[in-house]
Protein backbone atom coordinates (compact mmCIF):
# COMPACT_ATOMS: atom_id res chain seq x y z
CA UNK A 1 11.51 15.61 3.89
CA UNK A 2 11.88 12.49 2.10
CA UNK A 3 8.96 11.01 -0.03
CA UNK A 4 9.39 7.68 1.31
CA UNK A 5 9.11 6.62 4.95
CA UNK A 6 12.07 5.37 6.99
CA UNK A 7 12.46 1.74 7.93
CA UNK A 8 9.88 0.70 10.48
CA UNK A 9 7.79 3.80 10.01
CA UNK A 10 5.06 5.12 7.84
CA UNK A 11 4.53 8.97 7.03
CA UNK A 12 1.13 10.14 6.28
CA UNK A 13 1.68 10.36 2.64
CA UNK A 14 2.54 6.64 2.45
CA UNK A 15 -0.40 5.63 4.67
CA UNK A 16 -3.00 7.63 2.68
CA UNK A 17 -1.46 6.60 -0.75
CA UNK A 18 -1.33 3.00 0.15
CA UNK A 19 -4.94 3.00 1.47
CA UNK A 20 -6.16 4.64 -1.49
CA UNK A 21 -4.34 2.64 -4.06
CA UNK A 22 -4.91 -0.76 -2.48
CA UNK A 23 -8.63 -0.31 -1.61
CA UNK A 24 -9.48 1.27 -4.93
CA UNK A 25 -7.49 -1.13 -6.92
CA UNK A 26 -9.06 -4.30 -5.31
CA UNK A 27 -12.51 -2.97 -5.42
CA UNK A 28 -12.43 -1.84 -8.95
CA UNK A 29 -11.12 -5.27 -10.14
CA UNK A 30 -13.88 -7.27 -8.39
CA UNK A 31 -16.37 -4.82 -9.50
CA UNK A 32 -15.25 -4.88 -13.10
CA UNK A 33 -15.36 -8.73 -13.05
CA UNK A 34 -18.72 -8.84 -11.61
CA UNK A 35 -20.20 -6.46 -14.08
CA UNK A 36 -18.56 -8.13 -17.08
CA UNK A 37 -19.95 -11.62 -15.84
CA UNK A 38 -23.37 -10.12 -15.40
CA UNK A 39 -23.45 -11.19 -11.67
CA UNK A 40 -24.16 -9.28 -8.55
CA UNK A 41 -21.55 -7.40 -6.66
CA UNK A 42 -20.72 -9.11 -3.55
CA UNK A 43 -19.74 -6.04 -1.43
CA UNK A 44 -18.47 -8.16 1.47
CA UNK A 45 -15.82 -9.68 -0.97
CA UNK A 46 -14.94 -6.17 -2.37
CA UNK A 47 -14.52 -4.89 1.22
CA UNK A 48 -12.28 -7.89 2.30
CA UNK A 49 -10.22 -7.73 -0.81
CA UNK A 50 -9.69 -3.94 -0.49
CA UNK A 51 -8.69 -4.37 3.16
CA UNK A 52 -6.11 -7.24 2.54
CA UNK A 53 -4.67 -5.19 -0.24
CA UNK A 54 -4.37 -2.14 1.95
CA UNK A 55 -2.75 -4.06 4.83
CA UNK A 56 -0.38 -5.72 2.47
CA UNK A 57 0.85 -2.42 0.94
CA UNK A 58 1.19 -0.78 4.48
CA UNK A 59 3.18 -3.74 5.82
CA UNK A 60 5.49 -3.47 2.56
CA UNK A 61 6.01 0.16 3.37
CA UNK A 62 6.91 -0.70 7.06
CA UNK A 63 9.54 -3.31 5.98
CA UNK A 64 11.24 -0.95 3.47
CA UNK A 65 13.59 2.02 4.00
CA UNK A 66 13.54 5.37 2.31
CA UNK A 67 15.55 4.07 -0.58
CA UNK A 68 12.88 1.29 -1.11
CA UNK A 69 15.04 -1.54 0.11
CA UNK A 70 13.15 -4.11 1.81
CA UNK A 71 14.52 -5.48 5.34
CA UNK A 72 17.39 -2.78 5.26
CA UNK A 73 17.94 -0.16 7.84
CA UNK A 74 18.28 3.53 6.93
CA UNK A 75 21.69 4.27 5.40
CA UNK A 76 23.95 6.68 7.25
CA UNK A 77 23.38 10.28 6.24
CA UNK A 78 26.13 11.69 3.94
CA UNK A 79 28.96 13.36 5.74
CA UNK A 80 29.56 17.05 5.04
CA UNK A 81 33.48 16.64 4.86
C-alpha cells in the first residue's frame, strides 16, 4: 500500500496526519504568541485557525497524486514485461 493517497482520495493515514499537524501547528503558534505577548488566549481564534489549516492540508492532499504531484492523475502502473 502506498503511503500517499491517490489523486482525488484520502487514505486514513493522510487524513489523521493532516488533521494532527494542521490543528496542532496552528494552535501552538497562536498560543505561543499570546503567552509571549502576555495576553489572554483567544480560544475561538485558535479553533478557527486550526480548522482552516486542517482543511487546507486535506484539500492539498485531495488534489495531489501518490507521487505528490498537484493536479496530476495517477501514473499508469509499471508493466511487468
